[in-house]
Amino acid sequence: MDSTLQDLDDTTQVRAFWIRRAATVVLVLVVAAALFGFLGVRTGEVSASESGYDLSVRYPEIARGGLDTPWEVTVHNDQGFAKELTIAVSGDYFELFETQGFHPEPSDSTRDATMLYLTFTAPQGDTFVVSYDAYVQPSSQRGAAATVAVVESPEHPDPLVEVQYRTRLSP
């Protein structure tokens, strides 16, 4: 009885065997990465202290289009705050997101070529928290880097304290 493989040489068979084996290994690695949460949404946090301010940002480190993502800024100052508190954020960072807005809403906002300045009526006490209710736009394909800083005002944009981070998007 003749084999349908009789015309193939051993080199072709060996190559096909190793290609199938490599594809199986890659598939197993992808399934394992998904199983252990390496392909899902991941939240990061960065913080810094300077000029009497403690700044902490919780942000989407790895996100996917269409999914809700956390973004929250916490500012602490042992001396409390002046009448207003201004937070500066890289202006193009929020282009990744569809949003329901900031909570609380800023009393004023302005933007220059690079930064979005959000001015809030300062809270009583020594801690202020603002969150951004958003999800990644389904059409977003690339992540973005951002800087968040506490500044005196949009007219005096030198950072009192700042942090930097990057959001990456996975398919």
N, C-alpha and C. Protein backbone atom coordinates (compact mmCIF):
# COMPACT_ATOMS: atom_id res chain seq x y z
N MET A 1 0.85 -1.17 0.00
CA MET A 1 0.00 0.00 0.00
C MET A 1 0.90 1.23 0.00
N ASP A 2 0.62 2.12 -0.92
CA ASP A 2 1.43 3.32 -1.05
C ASP A 2 0.95 4.39 -0.07
N SER A 3 1.91 5.17 0.43
CA SER A 3 1.60 6.26 1.35
C SER A 3 1.42 7.54 0.56
N THR A 4 0.57 8.40 1.05
CA THR A 4 0.41 9.72 0.43
C THR A 4 1.59 10.62 0.75
N LEU A 5 2.41 10.21 1.69
CA LEU A 5 3.57 11.01 2.10
C LEU A 5 4.87 10.52 1.47
N GLN A 6 4.79 9.55 0.60
CA GLN A 6 6.02 8.96 0.10
C GLN A 6 6.87 9.92 -0.71
N ASP A 7 6.24 10.95 -1.28
CA ASP A 7 7.01 11.91 -2.07
C ASP A 7 7.68 12.98 -1.22
N LEU A 8 7.31 13.08 0.04
CA LEU A 8 7.92 14.08 0.91
C LEU A 8 9.25 13.56 1.43
N ASP A 9 10.20 14.46 1.50
CA ASP A 9 11.48 14.02 2.07
C ASP A 9 11.46 14.24 3.58
N ASP A 10 12.41 13.69 4.26
CA ASP A 10 12.47 13.77 5.71
C ASP A 10 12.61 15.21 6.19
N THR A 11 13.29 16.08 5.46
CA THR A 11 13.48 17.47 5.86
C THR A 11 12.15 18.20 5.95
N THR A 12 11.28 17.98 5.00
CA THR A 12 9.97 18.63 5.00
C THR A 12 9.14 18.16 6.18
N GLN A 13 9.17 16.89 6.46
CA GLN A 13 8.41 16.34 7.57
C GLN A 13 8.93 16.86 8.91
N VAL A 14 10.24 16.93 9.04
CA VAL A 14 10.84 17.43 10.28
C VAL A 14 10.49 18.90 10.49
N ARG A 15 10.58 19.68 9.43
CA ARG A 15 10.25 21.10 9.51
C ARG A 15 8.78 21.30 9.91
N ALA A 16 7.88 20.57 9.31
CA ALA A 16 6.46 20.67 9.63
C ALA A 16 6.20 20.28 11.08
N PHE A 17 6.89 19.24 11.55
CA PHE A 17 6.76 18.82 12.94
C PHE A 17 7.15 19.94 13.88
N TRP A 18 8.27 20.62 13.64
CA TRP A 18 8.74 21.68 14.53
C TRP A 18 7.88 22.93 14.43
N ILE A 19 7.32 23.20 13.29
CA ILE A 19 6.41 24.35 13.15
C ILE A 19 5.14 24.11 13.96
N ARG A 20 4.59 22.89 13.87
CA ARG A 20 3.40 22.57 14.68
C ARG A 20 3.72 22.63 16.16
N ARG A 21 4.86 22.13 16.54
CA ARG A 21 5.27 22.14 17.95
C ARG A 21 5.41 23.59 18.45
N ALA A 22 6.06 24.47 17.67
CA ALA A 22 6.24 25.87 18.06
C ALA A 22 4.89 26.59 18.15
N ALA A 23 3.99 26.33 17.21
CA ALA A 23 2.68 26.96 17.25
C ALA A 23 1.90 26.52 18.49
N THR A 24 2.01 25.26 18.85
CA THR A 24 1.34 24.76 20.06
C THR A 24 1.90 25.43 21.31
N VAL A 25 3.22 25.59 21.39
CA VAL A 25 3.84 26.24 22.54
C VAL A 25 3.37 27.69 22.65
N VAL A 26 3.34 28.41 21.52
CA VAL A 26 2.88 29.80 21.53
C VAL A 26 1.43 29.87 22.00
N LEU A 27 0.59 29.00 21.52
CA LEU A 27 -0.81 28.97 21.93
C LEU A 27 -0.94 28.71 23.43
N VAL A 28 -0.17 27.77 23.95
CA VAL A 28 -0.20 27.47 25.38
C VAL A 28 0.26 28.69 26.19
N LEU A 29 1.29 29.39 25.73
CA LEU A 29 1.77 30.58 26.44
C LEU A 29 0.73 31.69 26.45
N VAL A 30 0.04 31.90 25.35
CA VAL A 30 -1.01 32.93 25.29
C VAL A 30 -2.16 32.57 26.23
N VAL A 31 -2.58 31.32 26.24
CA VAL A 31 -3.66 30.89 27.13
C VAL A 31 -3.23 31.05 28.59
N ALA A 32 -1.99 30.67 28.91
CA ALA A 32 -1.50 30.81 30.29
C ALA A 32 -1.43 32.28 30.69
N ALA A 33 -0.95 33.15 29.80
CA ALA A 33 -0.88 34.59 30.10
C ALA A 33 -2.28 35.14 30.37
N ALA A 34 -3.26 34.74 29.59
CA ALA A 34 -4.63 35.19 29.81
C ALA A 34 -5.18 34.64 31.13
N LEU A 35 -4.90 33.37 31.41
CA LEU A 35 -5.38 32.74 32.62
C LEU A 35 -4.86 33.43 33.88
N PHE A 36 -3.61 33.89 33.85
CA PHE A 36 -3.01 34.53 35.02
C PHE A 36 -3.15 36.06 35.01
N GLY A 37 -3.95 36.59 34.09
CA GLY A 37 -4.28 38.00 34.11
C GLY A 37 -3.27 38.93 33.46
N PHE A 38 -2.33 38.41 32.70
CA PHE A 38 -1.33 39.26 32.08
C PHE A 38 -1.86 39.99 30.85
N LEU A 39 -3.01 39.59 30.32
CA LEU A 39 -3.54 40.23 29.12
C LEU A 39 -4.74 41.13 29.42
N GLY A 40 -5.12 41.23 30.66
CA GLY A 40 -6.29 42.02 31.02
C GLY A 40 -5.94 43.43 31.41
N VAL A 41 -6.91 44.12 31.95
CA VAL A 41 -6.75 45.48 32.43
C VAL A 41 -5.93 45.45 33.71
N ARG A 42 -4.99 46.36 33.81
CA ARG A 42 -4.16 46.45 35.01
C ARG A 42 -4.08 47.91 35.45
N THR A 43 -4.22 48.12 36.76
CA THR A 43 -4.16 49.46 37.32
C THR A 43 -2.77 49.70 37.91
N GLY A 44 -2.23 50.88 37.66
CA GLY A 44 -0.95 51.27 38.24
C GLY A 44 -1.14 52.44 39.18
N GLU A 45 -0.11 52.72 39.95
CA GLU A 45 -0.15 53.88 40.84
C GLU A 45 1.25 54.49 40.92
N VAL A 46 1.30 55.80 40.82
CA VAL A 46 2.55 56.53 40.98
C VAL A 46 2.31 57.62 42.02
N SER A 47 3.36 57.98 42.73
CA SER A 47 3.22 59.03 43.73
C SER A 47 4.54 59.76 43.90
N ALA A 48 4.43 60.97 44.43
CA ALA A 48 5.60 61.81 44.69
C ALA A 48 5.25 62.78 45.81
N SER A 49 6.29 63.25 46.48
CA SER A 49 6.13 64.25 47.54
C SER A 49 7.14 65.36 47.31
N GLU A 50 6.66 66.59 47.36
CA GLU A 50 7.54 67.74 47.18
C GLU A 50 6.78 69.00 47.57
N SER A 51 7.50 70.00 48.04
CA SER A 51 6.93 71.30 48.38
C SER A 51 5.75 71.21 49.36
N GLY A 52 5.75 70.21 50.22
CA GLY A 52 4.67 70.05 51.19
C GLY A 52 3.46 69.30 50.65
N TYR A 53 3.49 68.88 49.39
CA TYR A 53 2.38 68.17 48.79
C TYR A 53 2.73 66.70 48.58
N ASP A 54 1.75 65.84 48.80
CA ASP A 54 1.84 64.43 48.43
C ASP A 54 0.84 64.24 47.29
N LEU A 55 1.33 63.73 46.16
CA LEU A 55 0.49 63.53 44.98
C LEU A 55 0.52 62.05 44.63
N SER A 56 -0.65 61.49 44.44
CA SER A 56 -0.77 60.09 44.05
C SER A 56 -1.76 59.98 42.91
N VAL A 57 -1.42 59.21 41.88
CA VAL A 57 -2.31 59.01 40.74
C VAL A 57 -2.50 57.51 40.54
N ARG A 58 -3.76 57.09 40.54
CA ARG A 58 -4.11 55.71 40.19
C ARG A 58 -4.64 55.78 38.76
N TYR A 59 -4.08 54.97 37.87
CA TYR A 59 -4.34 55.12 36.44
C TYR A 59 -4.39 53.75 35.76
N PRO A 60 -4.93 53.69 34.54
CA PRO A 60 -4.92 52.43 33.80
C PRO A 60 -3.52 52.18 33.22
N GLU A 61 -2.81 51.21 33.77
CA GLU A 61 -1.47 50.89 33.27
C GLU A 61 -1.58 50.12 31.95
N ILE A 62 -2.46 49.12 31.93
CA ILE A 62 -2.78 48.39 30.71
C ILE A 62 -4.29 48.38 30.60
N ALA A 63 -4.80 48.76 29.44
CA ALA A 63 -6.25 48.84 29.26
C ALA A 63 -6.61 48.30 27.88
N ARG A 64 -7.90 48.13 27.67
CA ARG A 64 -8.41 47.67 26.38
C ARG A 64 -9.57 48.55 25.96
N GLY A 65 -9.73 48.70 24.65
CA GLY A 65 -10.81 49.50 24.12
C GLY A 65 -12.17 49.02 24.61
N GLY A 66 -13.02 49.97 25.00
CA GLY A 66 -14.37 49.68 25.42
C GLY A 66 -14.53 49.34 26.89
N LEU A 67 -13.43 49.22 27.64
CA LEU A 67 -13.54 48.86 29.05
C LEU A 67 -13.38 50.07 29.96
N ASP A 68 -14.10 50.06 31.08
CA ASP A 68 -13.96 51.11 32.09
C ASP A 68 -12.54 51.09 32.65
N THR A 69 -12.05 52.27 32.97
CA THR A 69 -10.71 52.38 33.52
C THR A 69 -10.71 53.35 34.69
N PRO A 70 -9.92 53.06 35.71
CA PRO A 70 -9.84 53.99 36.83
C PRO A 70 -8.83 55.10 36.56
N TRP A 71 -9.13 56.30 36.97
CA TRP A 71 -8.17 57.40 36.98
C TRP A 71 -8.56 58.26 38.17
N GLU A 72 -7.67 58.33 39.13
CA GLU A 72 -7.97 59.07 40.36
C GLU A 72 -6.71 59.76 40.86
N VAL A 73 -6.86 61.03 41.20
CA VAL A 73 -5.75 61.82 41.73
C VAL A 73 -6.06 62.17 43.19
N THR A 74 -5.09 61.93 44.05
CA THR A 74 -5.21 62.30 45.46
C THR A 74 -4.08 63.27 45.79
N VAL A 75 -4.46 64.41 46.35
CA VAL A 75 -3.48 65.42 46.76
C VAL A 75 -3.64 65.63 48.26
N HIS A 76 -2.52 65.59 48.95
CA HIS A 76 -2.53 65.79 50.40
C HIS A 76 -1.53 66.88 50.74
N ASN A 77 -1.95 67.77 51.65
CA ASN A 77 -1.06 68.81 52.16
C ASN A 77 -1.38 68.98 53.65
N ASP A 78 -0.40 68.74 54.51
CA ASP A 78 -0.64 68.83 55.95
C ASP A 78 -1.15 70.21 56.37
N GLN A 79 -0.80 71.25 55.62
CA GLN A 79 -1.21 72.62 55.94
C GLN A 79 -2.59 72.97 55.38
N GLY A 80 -3.20 72.04 54.67
CA GLY A 80 -4.47 72.34 54.01
C GLY A 80 -4.20 73.05 52.69
N PHE A 81 -5.25 73.57 52.09
CA PHE A 81 -5.14 74.18 50.77
C PHE A 81 -5.56 75.64 50.81
N ALA A 82 -5.06 76.38 49.83
CA ALA A 82 -5.51 77.77 49.68
C ALA A 82 -6.96 77.74 49.17
N LYS A 83 -7.41 78.83 48.62
CA LYS A 83 -8.79 78.93 48.15
C LYS A 83 -9.08 77.97 46.99
N GLU A 84 -8.08 77.76 46.15
CA GLU A 84 -8.24 76.89 44.98
C GLU A 84 -7.07 75.93 44.88
N LEU A 85 -7.32 74.82 44.19
CA LEU A 85 -6.29 73.82 43.92
C LEU A 85 -6.31 73.56 42.42
N THR A 86 -5.14 73.68 41.77
CA THR A 86 -5.07 73.46 40.33
C THR A 86 -4.21 72.24 40.05
N ILE A 87 -4.79 71.33 39.28
CA ILE A 87 -4.10 70.12 38.84
C ILE A 87 -3.90 70.23 37.34
N ALA A 88 -2.65 70.01 36.91
CA ALA A 88 -2.33 70.06 35.49
C ALA A 88 -2.11 68.63 34.99
N VAL A 89 -2.70 68.32 33.83
CA VAL A 89 -2.59 66.99 33.23
C VAL A 89 -2.20 67.17 31.76
N SER A 90 -1.34 66.29 31.26
CA SER A 90 -0.99 66.34 29.84
C SER A 90 -2.26 66.43 29.01
N GLY A 91 -2.33 67.44 28.17
CA GLY A 91 -3.56 67.74 27.45
C GLY A 91 -4.07 66.65 26.54
N ASP A 92 -3.18 65.93 25.87
CA ASP A 92 -3.63 64.92 24.92
C ASP A 92 -3.91 63.56 25.55
N TYR A 93 -3.61 63.38 26.83
CA TYR A 93 -3.81 62.08 27.47
C TYR A 93 -5.27 61.64 27.43
N PHE A 94 -6.18 62.55 27.68
CA PHE A 94 -7.59 62.18 27.77
C PHE A 94 -8.22 61.87 26.42
N GLU A 95 -7.48 62.03 25.32
CA GLU A 95 -8.00 61.67 24.00
C GLU A 95 -8.20 60.17 23.86
N LEU A 96 -7.62 59.38 24.76
CA LEU A 96 -7.81 57.93 24.76
C LEU A 96 -9.22 57.52 25.19
N PHE A 97 -9.90 58.40 25.89
CA PHE A 97 -11.09 58.01 26.63
C PHE A 97 -12.38 58.66 26.14
N GLU A 98 -13.48 57.96 26.39
CA GLU A 98 -14.83 58.52 26.37
C GLU A 98 -15.16 58.75 27.84
N THR A 99 -15.83 59.83 28.15
CA THR A 99 -15.97 60.16 29.57
C THR A 99 -17.36 60.60 29.97
N GLN A 100 -17.61 60.44 31.25
CA GLN A 100 -18.79 61.00 31.90
C GLN A 100 -18.40 62.24 32.69
N GLY A 101 -17.09 62.50 32.83
CA GLY A 101 -16.62 63.71 33.48
C GLY A 101 -15.82 63.46 34.74
N PHE A 102 -15.42 64.58 35.34
CA PHE A 102 -14.65 64.57 36.58
C PHE A 102 -15.59 64.62 37.77
N HIS A 103 -15.17 63.98 38.86
CA HIS A 103 -15.95 64.02 40.10
C HIS A 103 -15.00 64.36 41.23
N PRO A 104 -15.07 65.51 41.82
CA PRO A 104 -16.00 66.60 41.56
C PRO A 104 -15.63 67.34 40.26
N GLU A 105 -16.57 68.10 39.76
CA GLU A 105 -16.33 68.91 38.57
C GLU A 105 -15.40 70.07 38.92
N PRO A 106 -14.47 70.40 38.03
CA PRO A 106 -13.63 71.58 38.29
C PRO A 106 -14.46 72.86 38.23
N SER A 107 -14.07 73.84 39.02
CA SER A 107 -14.75 75.14 38.97
C SER A 107 -14.31 75.91 37.74
N ASP A 108 -13.14 75.56 37.20
CA ASP A 108 -12.62 76.20 35.99
C ASP A 108 -11.66 75.23 35.32
N SER A 109 -11.55 75.32 34.01
CA SER A 109 -10.55 74.54 33.29
C SER A 109 -10.07 75.35 32.10
N THR A 110 -8.81 75.16 31.78
CA THR A 110 -8.21 75.83 30.63
C THR A 110 -7.11 74.93 30.09
N ARG A 111 -6.73 75.17 28.83
CA ARG A 111 -5.71 74.34 28.22
C ARG A 111 -4.77 75.20 27.42
N ASP A 112 -3.48 74.88 27.52
CA ASP A 112 -2.51 75.53 26.64
C ASP A 112 -2.04 74.47 25.65
N ALA A 113 -0.90 74.67 25.01
CA ALA A 113 -0.43 73.75 23.98
C ALA A 113 -0.14 72.35 24.51
N THR A 114 0.20 72.23 25.77
CA THR A 114 0.60 70.92 26.29
C THR A 114 -0.21 70.41 27.48
N MET A 115 -0.77 71.29 28.27
CA MET A 115 -1.40 70.88 29.52
C MET A 115 -2.86 71.32 29.62
N LEU A 116 -3.64 70.50 30.33
CA LEU A 116 -5.00 70.83 30.70
C LEU A 116 -4.96 71.20 32.18
N TYR A 117 -5.44 72.38 32.53
CA TYR A 117 -5.43 72.85 33.92
C TYR A 117 -6.84 72.76 34.49
N LEU A 118 -6.97 71.98 35.53
CA LEU A 118 -8.25 71.80 36.20
C LEU A 118 -8.18 72.50 37.55
N THR A 119 -8.99 73.53 37.73
CA THR A 119 -8.99 74.29 38.98
C THR A 119 -10.23 73.92 39.78
N PHE A 120 -10.00 73.53 41.03
CA PHE A 120 -11.07 73.10 41.91
C PHE A 120 -11.16 74.03 43.11
N THR A 121 -12.37 74.22 43.60
CA THR A 121 -12.52 74.89 44.88
C THR A 121 -11.92 73.95 45.91
N ALA A 122 -10.97 74.47 46.67
CA ALA A 122 -10.25 73.61 47.61
C ALA A 122 -11.17 73.08 48.69
N PRO A 123 -10.97 71.84 49.08
CA PRO A 123 -11.80 71.29 50.15
C PRO A 123 -11.32 71.75 51.51
N GLN A 124 -12.20 71.65 52.48
CA GLN A 124 -11.73 71.86 53.85
C GLN A 124 -10.97 70.60 54.23
N GLY A 125 -9.97 70.74 55.01
CA GLY A 125 -9.17 69.59 55.38
C GLY A 125 -7.87 69.56 54.59
N ASP A 126 -7.20 68.42 54.65
CA ASP A 126 -5.87 68.35 54.07
C ASP A 126 -5.73 67.36 52.91
N THR A 127 -6.86 66.78 52.45
CA THR A 127 -6.81 65.81 51.36
C THR A 127 -7.89 66.11 50.33
N PHE A 128 -7.49 66.05 49.07
CA PHE A 128 -8.42 66.27 47.96
C PHE A 128 -8.32 65.08 47.02
N VAL A 129 -9.47 64.58 46.56
CA VAL A 129 -9.50 63.45 45.62
C VAL A 129 -10.40 63.82 44.45
N VAL A 130 -9.90 63.61 43.23
CA VAL A 130 -10.72 63.78 42.04
C VAL A 130 -10.59 62.50 41.21
N SER A 131 -11.72 62.07 40.66
CA SER A 131 -11.71 60.88 39.80
C SER A 131 -12.28 61.24 38.44
N TYR A 132 -11.94 60.42 37.47
CA TYR A 132 -12.36 60.62 36.09
C TYR A 132 -13.12 59.38 35.68
N ASP A 133 -14.40 59.54 35.41
CA ASP A 133 -15.26 58.42 35.03
C ASP A 133 -15.14 58.24 33.53
N ALA A 134 -14.46 57.17 33.09
CA ALA A 134 -14.18 57.03 31.67
C ALA A 134 -14.01 55.57 31.27
N TYR A 135 -14.06 55.36 29.97
CA TYR A 135 -13.66 54.07 29.40
C TYR A 135 -12.83 54.36 28.16
N VAL A 136 -11.99 53.40 27.78
CA VAL A 136 -11.12 53.57 26.62
C VAL A 136 -11.98 53.53 25.36
N GLN A 137 -11.77 54.51 24.48
CA GLN A 137 -12.50 54.53 23.23
C GLN A 137 -12.22 53.24 22.45
N PRO A 138 -13.25 52.62 21.91
CA PRO A 138 -13.03 51.38 21.15
C PRO A 138 -12.08 51.56 19.98
N SER A 139 -11.99 52.76 19.44
CA SER A 139 -11.11 53.00 18.29
C SER A 139 -9.67 53.31 18.70
N SER A 140 -9.39 53.44 19.99
CA SER A 140 -8.03 53.75 20.44
C SER A 140 -7.12 52.55 20.18
N GLN A 141 -5.99 52.81 19.57
CA GLN A 141 -5.06 51.74 19.23
C GLN A 141 -3.73 51.86 19.96
N ARG A 142 -3.40 53.06 20.37
CA ARG A 142 -2.11 53.30 21.02
C ARG A 142 -2.34 53.90 22.39
N GLY A 143 -1.43 53.63 23.28
CA GLY A 143 -1.49 54.22 24.60
C GLY A 143 -0.95 55.64 24.57
N ALA A 144 -0.73 56.18 25.76
CA ALA A 144 -0.21 57.55 25.86
C ALA A 144 0.52 57.72 27.18
N ALA A 145 1.48 58.61 27.17
CA ALA A 145 2.19 58.99 28.39
C ALA A 145 1.53 60.24 28.94
N ALA A 146 1.66 60.44 30.25
CA ALA A 146 1.03 61.60 30.86
C ALA A 146 1.87 62.11 32.02
N THR A 147 1.70 63.38 32.28
CA THR A 147 2.24 64.03 33.46
C THR A 147 1.07 64.63 34.22
N VAL A 148 1.05 64.44 35.53
CA VAL A 148 0.06 65.08 36.39
C VAL A 148 0.85 65.87 37.42
N ALA A 149 0.44 67.13 37.62
CA ALA A 149 1.17 67.99 38.55
C ALA A 149 0.19 68.87 39.32
N VAL A 150 0.62 69.27 40.50
CA VAL A 150 -0.08 70.32 41.24
C VAL A 150 0.67 71.60 40.92
N VAL A 151 -0.05 72.61 40.46
CA VAL A 151 0.56 73.89 40.12
C VAL A 151 -0.14 74.99 40.90
N GLU A 152 0.53 76.13 40.99
CA GLU A 152 -0.06 77.26 41.70
C GLU A 152 -1.32 77.76 40.99
N SER A 153 -1.21 77.89 39.65
CA SER A 153 -2.34 78.32 38.83
C SER A 153 -1.93 78.13 37.36
N PRO A 154 -2.90 78.23 36.43
CA PRO A 154 -2.53 78.15 35.01
C PRO A 154 -1.56 79.26 34.60
N GLU A 155 -1.64 80.40 35.26
CA GLU A 155 -0.74 81.51 34.95
C GLU A 155 0.67 81.27 35.52
N HIS A 156 0.78 80.42 36.52
CA HIS A 156 2.06 80.05 37.16
C HIS A 156 2.18 78.53 37.11
N PRO A 157 2.49 77.97 35.92
CA PRO A 157 2.39 76.52 35.72
C PRO A 157 3.59 75.68 36.19
N ASP A 158 4.53 76.29 36.91
CA ASP A 158 5.65 75.49 37.41
C ASP A 158 5.13 74.48 38.41
N PRO A 159 5.48 73.19 38.23
CA PRO A 159 4.93 72.16 39.12
C PRO A 159 5.46 72.27 40.55
N LEU A 160 4.54 72.17 41.50
CA LEU A 160 4.92 72.07 42.90
C LEU A 160 5.31 70.63 43.22
N VAL A 161 4.61 69.69 42.59
CA VAL A 161 4.92 68.26 42.66
C VAL A 161 4.32 67.64 41.40
N GLU A 162 5.02 66.64 40.84
CA GLU A 162 4.49 66.02 39.62
C GLU A 162 4.87 64.55 39.55
N VAL A 163 4.08 63.80 38.79
CA VAL A 163 4.36 62.39 38.51
C VAL A 163 4.17 62.17 37.01
N GLN A 164 4.81 61.12 36.52
CA GLN A 164 4.67 60.73 35.12
C GLN A 164 4.35 59.25 35.06
N TYR A 165 3.58 58.87 34.05
CA TYR A 165 3.21 57.47 33.87
C TYR A 165 2.83 57.23 32.42
N ARG A 166 2.57 55.97 32.08
CA ARG A 166 2.20 55.61 30.73
C ARG A 166 1.07 54.58 30.77
N THR A 167 0.09 54.77 29.91
CA THR A 167 -0.99 53.81 29.72
C THR A 167 -0.75 53.09 28.40
N ARG A 168 -0.75 51.77 28.47
CA ARG A 168 -0.59 50.94 27.26
C ARG A 168 -1.92 50.28 26.95
N LEU A 169 -2.21 50.12 25.67
CA LEU A 169 -3.45 49.48 25.26
C LEU A 169 -3.14 48.12 24.65
N SER A 170 -3.94 47.13 25.03
CA SER A 170 -3.79 45.81 24.43
C SER A 170 -5.01 45.55 23.55
N PRO A 171 -4.83 44.71 22.55
CA PRO A 171 -5.95 44.45 21.63
C PRO A 171 -7.05 43.64 22.26
